């Protein structure tokens, strides 16, 4: 039982427990410590993701504007409006993309954001969201324009594969190593070639080796 457990209420014990929880070792400046939160959220808010990013090349940071729900539309979807006097073009970190430094959250997405104070001295306010992103997609080969492909992302549905978003150009197949292998995914005509797209720091790529006779 909880009330049967001995309790050490001395000041020394309290300091010891605190030192275990909050080590005095300085955090390295070259790691992702600038978004390390400390303590509970300062507040929770909704934001609309902008179409640009503060990084070049873009990373896990986004510009976002604070919004609030104002009702539902004819289709039952929630409608949003900018919060008067709210945040505008605030930098928001997507912690789900912090390791890969990807930037795949679609513009105009509505996301939940946490405002937190970090552990710097004095502490800074950081804004964090957690939006998982898809790093592997299916796509249909549309055309080949040496040295890359144009593809149409697709998604599985009960009726089969259907188009999912806009076409993507300049997709390289890293598996084509020799000159006579270039463009082999573009044929034969009359058949759909479905491939996996893999996200890399350079963008969407294909990693598919042609069959080889040894």
C-alpha atoms as a PDB file:
ATOM      1  CA  UNK A   1       0.000   0.000   0.000  1.00  0.00           C
ATOM      2  CA  UNK A   2       1.160   3.546  -0.716  1.00  0.00           C
ATOM      3  CA  UNK A   3       0.738   4.711   2.923  1.00  0.00           C
ATOM      4  CA  UNK A   4       2.889   1.789   4.157  1.00  0.00           C
ATOM      5  CA  UNK A   5       5.932   2.831   2.117  1.00  0.00           C
ATOM      6  CA  UNK A   6       8.634   4.711   4.083  1.00  0.00           C
ATOM      7  CA  UNK A   7       9.042   8.324   2.993  1.00  0.00           C
ATOM      8  CA  UNK A   8      12.314  10.229   3.134  1.00  0.00           C
ATOM      9  CA  UNK A   9      11.375  13.869   3.629  1.00  0.00           C
ATOM     10  CA  UNK A  10      14.838  15.270   4.269  1.00  0.00           C
ATOM     11  CA  UNK A  11      16.061  18.280   2.269  1.00  0.00           C
ATOM     12  CA  UNK A  12      19.175  16.350   1.194  1.00  0.00           C
ATOM     13  CA  UNK A  13      17.058  13.578  -0.284  1.00  0.00           C
ATOM     14  CA  UNK A  14      14.949  16.094  -2.201  1.00  0.00           C
ATOM     15  CA  UNK A  15      18.088  17.671  -3.717  1.00  0.00           C
ATOM     16  CA  UNK A  16      19.407  14.225  -4.641  1.00  0.00           C
ATOM     17  CA  UNK A  17      16.168  13.319  -6.415  1.00  0.00           C
ATOM     18  CA  UNK A  18      16.178  16.648  -8.267  1.00  0.00           C
ATOM     19  CA  UNK A  19      19.775  16.178  -9.416  1.00  0.00           C
ATOM     20  CA  UNK A  20      18.875  12.780 -10.870  1.00  0.00           C
ATOM     21  CA  UNK A  21      16.015  14.259 -12.863  1.00  0.00           C
ATOM     22  CA  UNK A  22      17.836  17.394 -14.047  1.00  0.00           C
ATOM     23  CA  UNK A  23      21.509  16.599 -14.755  1.00  0.00           C
ATOM     24  CA  UNK A  24      23.832  19.575 -14.881  1.00  0.00           C
ATOM     25  CA  UNK A  25      25.673  18.350 -17.988  1.00  0.00           C
ATOM     26  CA  UNK A  26      25.384  20.960 -20.739  1.00  0.00           C
ATOM     27  CA  UNK A  27      23.480  19.892 -23.830  1.00  0.00           C
ATOM     28  CA  UNK A  28      25.611  19.771 -27.015  1.00  0.00           C
ATOM     29  CA  UNK A  29      24.883  22.652 -29.357  1.00  0.00           C
ATOM     30  CA  UNK A  30      25.281  20.607 -32.529  1.00  0.00           C
ATOM     31  CA  UNK A  31      22.333  18.269 -31.876  1.00  0.00           C
ATOM     32  CA  UNK A  32      18.570  18.721 -32.076  1.00  0.00           C
ATOM     33  CA  UNK A  33      18.456  20.217 -28.590  1.00  0.00           C
ATOM     34  CA  UNK A  34      16.975  23.531 -29.657  1.00  0.00           C
ATOM     35  CA  UNK A  35      13.528  21.910 -29.673  1.00  0.00           C
ATOM     36  CA  UNK A  36      13.920  19.858 -26.496  1.00  0.00           C
ATOM     37  CA  UNK A  37      10.905  20.792 -24.362  1.00  0.00           C
ATOM     38  CA  UNK A  38      10.920  21.244 -20.633  1.00  0.00           C
ATOM     39  CA  UNK A  39       7.839  20.911 -18.465  1.00  0.00           C
ATOM     40  CA  UNK A  40       4.180  20.874 -19.499  1.00  0.00           C
ATOM     41  CA  UNK A  41       2.923  22.792 -22.547  1.00  0.00           C
ATOM     42  CA  UNK A  42       2.480  26.512 -22.045  1.00  0.00           C
ATOM     43  CA  UNK A  43      -0.626  26.295 -24.232  1.00  0.00           C
ATOM     44  CA  UNK A  44      -2.187  24.226 -27.047  1.00  0.00           C
ATOM     45  CA  UNK A  45      -3.371  25.800 -30.282  1.00  0.00           C
ATOM     46  CA  UNK A  46      -4.434  25.024 -33.830  1.00  0.00           C
ATOM     47  CA  UNK A  47      -2.399  26.255 -36.777  1.00  0.00           C
ATOM     48  CA  UNK A  48      -2.583  26.249 -40.569  1.00  0.00           C
ATOM     49  CA  UNK A  49       0.648  25.204 -42.302  1.00  0.00           C
ATOM     50  CA  UNK A  50       2.044  27.666 -44.837  1.00  0.00           C
ATOM     51  CA  UNK A  51       3.468  26.778 -48.238  1.00  0.00           C
ATOM     52  CA  UNK A  52       7.023  27.850 -47.459  1.00  0.00           C
ATOM     53  CA  UNK A  53       9.695  26.999 -44.905  1.00  0.00           C
ATOM     54  CA  UNK A  54      12.368  28.936 -43.034  1.00  0.00           C
ATOM     55  CA  UNK A  55      15.098  26.483 -44.084  1.00  0.00           C
ATOM     56  CA  UNK A  56      16.945  26.193 -47.389  1.00  0.00           C
ATOM     57  CA  UNK A  57      16.772  23.350 -48.152  1.00  0.00           C
ATOM     58  CA  UNK A  58      13.548  22.919 -46.168  1.00  0.00           C
ATOM     59  CA  UNK A  59      13.784  20.784 -43.040  1.00  0.00           C
ATOM     60  CA  UNK A  60      11.351  19.902 -40.241  1.00  0.00           C
ATOM     61  CA  UNK A  61      10.430  23.568 -39.654  1.00  0.00           C
ATOM     62  CA  UNK A  62       7.305  25.196 -41.053  1.00  0.00           C
ATOM     63  CA  UNK A  63       5.697  28.607 -41.041  1.00  0.00           C
ATOM     64  CA  UNK A  64       2.190  28.460 -39.597  1.00  0.00           C
ATOM     65  CA  UNK A  65      -0.683  30.802 -38.718  1.00  0.00           C
ATOM     66  CA  UNK A  66      -2.902  30.388 -35.668  1.00  0.00           C
ATOM     67  CA  UNK A  67      -6.517  29.480 -36.516  1.00  0.00           C
ATOM     68  CA  UNK A  68      -9.735  28.575 -34.731  1.00  0.00           C
ATOM     69  CA  UNK A  69     -12.859  26.602 -35.744  1.00  0.00           C
ATOM     70  CA  UNK A  70     -15.897  28.627 -36.732  1.00  0.00           C
ATOM     71  CA  UNK A  71     -18.394  25.898 -37.568  1.00  0.00           C
ATOM     72  CA  UNK A  72     -18.962  23.197 -40.161  1.00  0.00           C
ATOM     73  CA  UNK A  73     -19.463  23.438 -43.888  1.00  0.00           C
ATOM     74  CA  UNK A  74     -22.111  21.836 -46.077  1.00  0.00           C
ATOM     75  CA  UNK A  75     -20.079  18.643 -46.267  1.00  0.00           C
ATOM     76  CA  UNK A  76     -19.671  18.408 -42.501  1.00  0.00           C
ATOM     77  CA  UNK A  77     -16.026  19.512 -42.519  1.00  0.00           C
ATOM     78  CA  UNK A  78     -14.785  21.939 -39.880  1.00  0.00           C
ATOM     79  CA  UNK A  79     -14.216  25.452 -41.182  1.00  0.00           C
ATOM     80  CA  UNK A  80     -11.370  27.553 -39.804  1.00  0.00           C
ATOM     81  CA  UNK A  81     -10.505  31.226 -39.574  1.00  0.00           C
ATOM     82  CA  UNK A  82      -7.419  33.161 -38.534  1.00  0.00           C
ATOM     83  CA  UNK A  83      -7.391  34.065 -34.830  1.00  0.00           C
ATOM     84  CA  UNK A  84      -7.550  37.866 -34.461  1.00  0.00           C
ATOM     85  CA  UNK A  85      -4.230  38.941 -33.023  1.00  0.00           C
ATOM     86  CA  UNK A  86      -2.985  35.357 -33.139  1.00  0.00           C
ATOM     87  CA  UNK A  87       0.329  33.979 -34.326  1.00  0.00           C
ATOM     88  CA  UNK A  88       1.290  34.666 -37.939  1.00  0.00           C
ATOM     89  CA  UNK A  89       4.207  33.043 -39.743  1.00  0.00           C
ATOM     90  CA  UNK A  90       5.317  31.365 -36.520  1.00  0.00           C
ATOM     91  CA  UNK A  91       8.060  28.748 -36.826  1.00  0.00           C
ATOM     92  CA  UNK A  92       6.716  25.287 -35.923  1.00  0.00           C
ATOM     93  CA  UNK A  93       8.899  22.153 -35.670  1.00  0.00           C
ATOM     94  CA  UNK A  94       7.422  18.812 -36.732  1.00  0.00           C
ATOM     95  CA  UNK A  95       9.097  16.407 -34.313  1.00  0.00           C
ATOM     96  CA  UNK A  96       8.087  13.449 -36.520  1.00  0.00           C
ATOM     97  CA  UNK A  97      10.471  14.775 -39.188  1.00  0.00           C
ATOM     98  CA  UNK A  98      13.297  16.003 -36.967  1.00  0.00           C
ATOM     99  CA  UNK A  99      15.584  13.011 -37.579  1.00  0.00           C
ATOM    100  CA  UNK A 100      15.103  12.760 -41.350  1.00  0.00           C
ATOM    101  CA  UNK A 101      14.919  16.531 -41.939  1.00  0.00           C
ATOM    102  CA  UNK A 102      12.069  15.929 -44.392  1.00  0.00           C
ATOM    103  CA  UNK A 103       9.429  18.532 -45.220  1.00  0.00           C
ATOM    104  CA  UNK A 104       6.366  16.580 -46.320  1.00  0.00           C
ATOM    105  CA  UNK A 105       3.401  18.093 -44.438  1.00  0.00           C
ATOM    106  CA  UNK A 106       1.076  19.556 -47.060  1.00  0.00           C
ATOM    107  CA  UNK A 107       0.422  23.281 -47.152  1.00  0.00           C
ATOM    108  CA  UNK A 108      -2.939  24.368 -45.648  1.00  0.00           C
ATOM    109  CA  UNK A 109      -2.953  21.360 -43.288  1.00  0.00           C
ATOM    110  CA  UNK A 110      -4.563  22.094 -39.909  1.00  0.00           C
ATOM    111  CA  UNK A 111      -2.335  20.797 -37.104  1.00  0.00           C
ATOM    112  CA  UNK A 112      -2.312  20.881 -33.314  1.00  0.00           C
ATOM    113  CA  UNK A 113       0.667  22.760 -31.915  1.00  0.00           C
ATOM    114  CA  UNK A 114       2.162  22.803 -28.434  1.00  0.00           C
ATOM    115  CA  UNK A 115       3.923  25.868 -27.122  1.00  0.00           C
ATOM    116  CA  UNK A 116       6.663  24.951 -24.661  1.00  0.00           C
ATOM    117  CA  UNK A 117       9.590  26.573 -22.936  1.00  0.00           C
ATOM    118  CA  UNK A 118      12.875  24.867 -23.751  1.00  0.00           C
ATOM    119  CA  UNK A 119      15.711  24.222 -21.320  1.00  0.00           C
ATOM    120  CA  UNK A 120      17.971  27.071 -22.395  1.00  0.00           C
ATOM    121  CA  UNK A 121      18.882  29.889 -20.000  1.00  0.00           C
ATOM    122  CA  UNK A 122      16.889  32.051 -20.242  1.00  0.00           C
ATOM    123  CA  UNK A 123      14.282  29.668 -21.734  1.00  0.00           C
ATOM    124  CA  UNK A 124      12.906  30.259 -25.215  1.00  0.00           C
ATOM    125  CA  UNK A 125       9.421  29.464 -26.453  1.00  0.00           C
ATOM    126  CA  UNK A 126       9.327  26.657 -29.034  1.00  0.00           C
ATOM    127  CA  UNK A 127       6.313  25.421 -30.967  1.00  0.00           C
ATOM    128  CA  UNK A 128       6.046  21.700 -31.697  1.00  0.00           C
ATOM    129  CA  UNK A 129       3.682  19.496 -33.676  1.00  0.00           C
ATOM    130  CA  UNK A 130       3.718  15.761 -34.346  1.00  0.00           C
ATOM    131  CA  UNK A 131       2.455  14.941 -37.840  1.00  0.00           C
ATOM    132  CA  UNK A 132       3.641  11.552 -39.202  1.00  0.00           C
ATOM    133  CA  UNK A 133       4.625  11.650 -42.868  1.00  0.00           C
ATOM    134  CA  UNK A 134       4.740   8.920 -45.490  1.00  0.00           C
ATOM    135  CA  UNK A 135       8.326   8.209 -46.577  1.00  0.00           C
ATOM    136  CA  UNK A 136       7.377   5.388 -48.970  1.00  0.00           C
ATOM    137  CA  UNK A 137       4.725   5.746 -51.671  1.00  0.00           C
ATOM    138  CA  UNK A 138       3.448   3.824 -54.678  1.00  0.00           C
ATOM    139  CA  UNK A 139       3.580   5.460 -58.088  1.00  0.00           C
ATOM    140  CA  UNK A 140       2.870   4.702 -61.736  1.00  0.00           C
ATOM    141  CA  UNK A 141       5.524   5.460 -64.336  1.00  0.00           C
ATOM    142  CA  UNK A 142       4.184   8.137 -66.698  1.00  0.00           C
ATOM    143  CA  UNK A 143       7.168   8.920 -68.918  1.00  0.00           C
ATOM    144  CA  UNK A 144      10.955   8.924 -69.123  1.00  0.00           C
ATOM    145  CA  UNK A 145      13.003  11.982 -70.000  1.00  0.00           C
ATOM    146  CA  UNK A 146      16.681  11.080 -69.725  1.00  0.00           C
ATOM    147  CA  UNK A 147      17.919  10.860 -66.993  1.00  0.00           C
ATOM    148  CA  UNK A 148      14.735  10.886 -64.859  1.00  0.00           C
ATOM    149  CA  UNK A 149      11.095   9.819 -64.790  1.00  0.00           C
ATOM    150  CA  UNK A 150       7.752  11.531 -64.352  1.00  0.00           C
ATOM    151  CA  UNK A 151       5.499   9.476 -62.079  1.00  0.00           C
ATOM    152  CA  UNK A 152       1.927   9.571 -60.825  1.00  0.00           C
ATOM    153  CA  UNK A 153       1.553   8.715 -57.105  1.00  0.00           C
ATOM    154  CA  UNK A 154      -1.234   6.207 -56.505  1.00  0.00           C
ATOM    155  CA  UNK A 155      -3.019   4.791 -53.484  1.00  0.00           C
ATOM    156  CA  UNK A 156      -4.850   1.526 -52.916  1.00  0.00           C
ATOM    157  CA  UNK A 157      -8.641   1.631 -52.877  1.00  0.00           C
ATOM    158  CA  UNK A 158     -11.342  -1.069 -52.820  1.00  0.00           C
ATOM    159  CA  UNK A 159     -11.511  -0.802 -56.618  1.00  0.00           C
ATOM    160  CA  UNK A 160      -7.747  -0.939 -57.169  1.00  0.00           C
ATOM    161  CA  UNK A 161      -5.065   1.720 -57.457  1.00  0.00           C
ATOM    162  CA  UNK A 162      -6.235   5.311 -57.959  1.00  0.00           C
ATOM    163  CA  UNK A 163      -4.288   8.531 -58.509  1.00  0.00           C
ATOM    164  CA  UNK A 164      -3.174  10.307 -55.347  1.00  0.00           C
ATOM    165  CA  UNK A 165      -2.211  13.927 -55.904  1.00  0.00           C
ATOM    166  CA  UNK A 166      -0.221  15.598 -58.659  1.00  0.00           C
ATOM    167  CA  UNK A 167       2.419  14.031 -60.876  1.00  0.00           C
ATOM    168  CA  UNK A 168       6.037  14.225 -59.719  1.00  0.00           C
ATOM    169  CA  UNK A 169       8.781  15.046 -62.219  1.00  0.00           C
ATOM    170  CA  UNK A 170      12.555  14.552 -62.120  1.00  0.00           C
ATOM    171  CA  UNK A 171      12.444  11.254 -60.215  1.00  0.00           C
ATOM    172  CA  UNK A 172      15.706   9.354 -60.652  1.00  0.00           C
ATOM    173  CA  UNK A 173      16.031   5.570 -60.508  1.00  0.00           C
ATOM    174  CA  UNK A 174      19.189   4.972 -58.496  1.00  0.00           C
ATOM    175  CA  UNK A 175      19.193   1.342 -59.616  1.00  0.00           C
ATOM    176  CA  UNK A 176      20.053   2.155 -63.226  1.00  0.00           C
ATOM    177  CA  UNK A 177      23.846   1.967 -63.095  1.00  0.00           C
ATOM    178  CA  UNK A 178      24.803   1.435 -66.747  1.00  0.00           C
ATOM    179  CA  UNK A 179      24.006   3.367 -69.906  1.00  0.00           C
ATOM    180  CA  UNK A 180      22.086   0.466 -71.464  1.00  0.00           C
ATOM    181  CA  UNK A 181      19.811   0.329 -68.396  1.00  0.00           C
ATOM    182  CA  UNK A 182      18.597   3.914 -68.603  1.00  0.00           C
ATOM    183  CA  UNK A 183      14.846   4.223 -69.004  1.00  0.00           C
ATOM    184  CA  UNK A 184      14.051   0.520 -68.770  1.00  0.00           C
ATOM    185  CA  UNK A 185      11.029   1.290 -66.529  1.00  0.00           C
ATOM    186  CA  UNK A 186       9.409   3.244 -69.380  1.00  0.00           C
ATOM    187  CA  UNK A 187       8.357   0.174 -71.368  1.00  0.00           C
ATOM    188  CA  UNK A 188       6.657  -1.740 -72.740  1.00  0.00           C
ATOM    189  CA  UNK A 189       3.733   0.480 -73.718  1.00  0.00           C
ATOM    190  CA  UNK A 190       0.212  -0.513 -72.776  1.00  0.00           C
ATOM    191  CA  UNK A 191       1.154  -1.703 -69.296  1.00  0.00           C
ATOM    192  CA  UNK A 192       1.207   0.170 -65.999  1.00  0.00           C
ATOM    193  CA  UNK A 193       4.547   0.024 -64.224  1.00  0.00           C
ATOM    194  CA  UNK A 194       3.985   0.454 -60.478  1.00  0.00           C
ATOM    195  CA  UNK A 195       7.051   1.264 -58.394  1.00  0.00           C
ATOM    196  CA  UNK A 196       7.885   2.365 -54.869  1.00  0.00           C
ATOM    197  CA  UNK A 197       8.971   5.957 -54.317  1.00  0.00           C
ATOM    198  CA  UNK A 198      11.465   6.442 -51.508  1.00  0.00           C
ATOM    199  CA  UNK A 199      11.998   9.852 -49.904  1.00  0.00           C
ATOM    200  CA  UNK A 200      15.640  10.967 -49.641  1.00  0.00           C
ATOM    201  CA  UNK A 201      17.243  14.341 -48.836  1.00  0.00           C
ATOM    202  CA  UNK A 202      17.368  14.921 -52.608  1.00  0.00           C
ATOM    203  CA  UNK A 203      13.616  14.284 -52.998  1.00  0.00           C
ATOM    204  CA  UNK A 204      11.570  11.322 -54.226  1.00  0.00           C
ATOM    205  CA  UNK A 205      13.637   8.571 -55.840  1.00  0.00           C
ATOM    206  CA  UNK A 206      13.249   5.034 -57.189  1.00  0.00           C
ATOM    207  CA  UNK A 207      15.695   2.316 -56.144  1.00  0.00           C
ATOM    208  CA  UNK A 208      14.987  -0.530 -58.530  1.00  0.00           C
ATOM    209  CA  UNK A 209      17.750  -2.519 -60.234  1.00  0.00           C
ATOM    210  CA  UNK A 210      17.083  -3.964 -63.691  1.00  0.00           C
ATOM    211  CA  UNK A 211      17.389  -7.762 -63.948  1.00  0.00           C
ATOM    212  CA  UNK A 212      20.903  -8.654 -65.063  1.00  0.00           C
ATOM    213  CA  UNK A 213      22.389 -11.749 -66.658  1.00  0.00           C
ATOM    214  CA  UNK A 214      25.713 -12.690 -65.055  1.00  0.00           C
END
